[in-house]
Amino acid sequence: MTKTISSYREVRSLELALSGMSWDQVAEELGYANRSGPWKAAQRCLARHQIVAADRYRAVRLAELDMLQARNWRAAMAGSPKAAGVVLRVIEARIRLMNL
């Protein structure tokens, strides 16, 4: 596969995921064998920090994580083990998303 086609599929994987499609749907749309193909393509794109779509994808996912953490923060601080677990998983997801 040429570099141009590969780059297109990486960018398109991000755009379709951002539009709300599942990884299975993205795989079918772009001709990947399974969901891991577009997921890995999107991760390569994100790792390069080269496109606006990557920034948009990160911004949307970070906003979702912020909302999830905010909804569980008060209960976690009050001692709820379930809410504390959610908050910790959100923090871990944020770290992975930002490649920290």
Protein backbone atom coordinates (compact mmCIF):
# COMPACT_ATOMS: atom_id res chain seq x y z
CA MET A 1 0.00 0.00 0.00
CA THR A 2 1.36 3.41 -0.89
CA LYS A 3 2.13 5.97 1.75
CA THR A 4 -0.60 8.28 0.42
CA ILE A 5 -3.32 5.64 0.72
CA SER A 6 -2.08 4.62 4.15
CA SER A 7 -2.08 8.23 5.34
CA TYR A 8 -5.57 8.75 3.95
CA ARG A 9 -6.88 5.68 5.80
CA GLU A 10 -5.26 6.88 9.05
CA VAL A 11 -6.89 10.29 8.79
CA ARG A 12 -10.21 8.85 7.64
CA SER A 13 -10.22 6.38 10.54
CA LEU A 14 -10.00 9.29 12.95
CA GLU A 15 -12.67 11.29 11.15
CA LEU A 16 -15.13 8.40 11.08
CA ALA A 17 -14.52 7.57 14.74
CA LEU A 18 -15.06 11.23 15.55
CA SER A 19 -18.35 11.17 13.67
CA GLY A 20 -19.57 8.49 16.07
CA MET A 21 -18.97 5.32 14.08
CA SER A 22 -17.82 2.22 15.96
CA TRP A 23 -14.43 0.72 15.11
CA ASP A 24 -16.26 -2.21 13.47
CA GLN A 25 -18.14 0.22 11.22
CA VAL A 26 -14.95 2.12 10.39
CA ALA A 27 -13.23 -1.17 9.50
CA GLU A 28 -16.05 -2.09 7.14
CA GLU A 29 -16.12 1.38 5.57
CA LEU A 30 -12.37 1.48 4.90
CA GLY A 31 -11.85 -2.18 4.04
CA TYR A 32 -9.95 -3.33 7.11
CA ALA A 33 -10.22 -7.00 8.12
CA ASN A 34 -11.34 -6.17 11.66
CA ARG A 35 -11.70 -3.37 14.20
CA SER A 36 -8.03 -3.34 15.21
CA GLY A 37 -6.92 -2.07 11.78
CA PRO A 38 -8.62 1.34 11.91
CA TRP A 39 -7.91 1.65 15.64
CA LYS A 40 -4.17 1.16 15.04
CA ALA A 41 -4.28 3.53 12.05
CA ALA A 42 -5.93 6.19 14.21
CA GLN A 43 -3.33 5.66 16.93
CA ARG A 44 -0.50 6.16 14.42
CA CYS A 45 -2.16 9.35 13.26
CA LEU A 46 -2.59 10.59 16.83
CA ALA A 47 1.02 9.72 17.67
CA ARG A 48 2.28 11.94 14.85
CA HIS A 49 0.25 14.95 16.02
CA GLN A 50 0.13 16.04 12.40
CA ILE A 51 -3.46 16.81 11.58
CA VAL A 52 -6.39 18.85 12.71
CA ALA A 53 -8.57 15.73 12.90
CA ALA A 54 -6.28 14.31 15.58
CA ASP A 55 -6.65 17.48 17.64
CA ARG A 56 -10.42 17.44 17.18
CA TYR A 57 -10.63 13.78 18.13
CA ARG A 58 -8.59 14.40 21.28
CA ALA A 59 -10.69 17.44 22.21
CA VAL A 60 -13.96 15.51 21.89
CA ARG A 61 -12.67 12.50 23.83
CA LEU A 62 -11.16 14.72 26.55
CA ALA A 63 -14.48 16.55 26.94
CA GLU A 64 -16.24 13.19 27.32
CA LEU A 65 -13.72 12.10 29.94
CA ASP A 66 -14.10 15.41 31.77
CA MET A 67 -17.88 14.96 31.95
CA LEU A 68 -17.56 11.39 33.16
CA GLN A 69 -15.08 12.40 35.85
CA ALA A 70 -17.20 15.36 36.96
CA ARG A 71 -20.28 13.14 37.33
CA ASN A 72 -18.39 10.76 39.61
CA TRP A 73 -16.08 13.12 41.49
CA ARG A 74 -18.34 14.05 44.40
CA ALA A 75 -19.26 10.41 45.12
CA ALA A 76 -15.61 9.37 44.87
CA MET A 77 -14.59 12.06 47.35
CA ALA A 78 -17.41 10.90 49.66
CA GLY A 79 -15.89 7.43 49.75
CA SER A 80 -17.71 5.45 47.07
CA PRO A 81 -15.34 2.72 45.84
CA LYS A 82 -17.29 2.36 42.56
CA ALA A 83 -17.09 6.09 41.80
CA ALA A 84 -13.42 6.18 42.80
CA GLY A 85 -12.73 3.35 40.36
CA VAL A 86 -14.48 5.24 37.58
CA VAL A 87 -12.46 8.39 38.31
CA LEU A 88 -9.19 6.44 38.27
CA ARG A 89 -10.05 4.76 34.97
CA VAL A 90 -10.94 8.14 33.48
CA ILE A 91 -7.57 9.55 34.57
CA GLU A 92 -5.79 6.54 33.04
CA ALA A 93 -7.73 6.97 29.79
CA ARG A 94 -6.77 10.65 29.68
CA ILE A 95 -3.09 9.75 30.15
CA ARG A 96 -3.24 7.21 27.29
CA LEU A 97 -5.09 9.64 25.02
CA MET A 98 -2.48 12.34 25.56
CA ASN A 99 0.45 9.88 25.21
CA LEU A 100 1.84 10.92 28.57
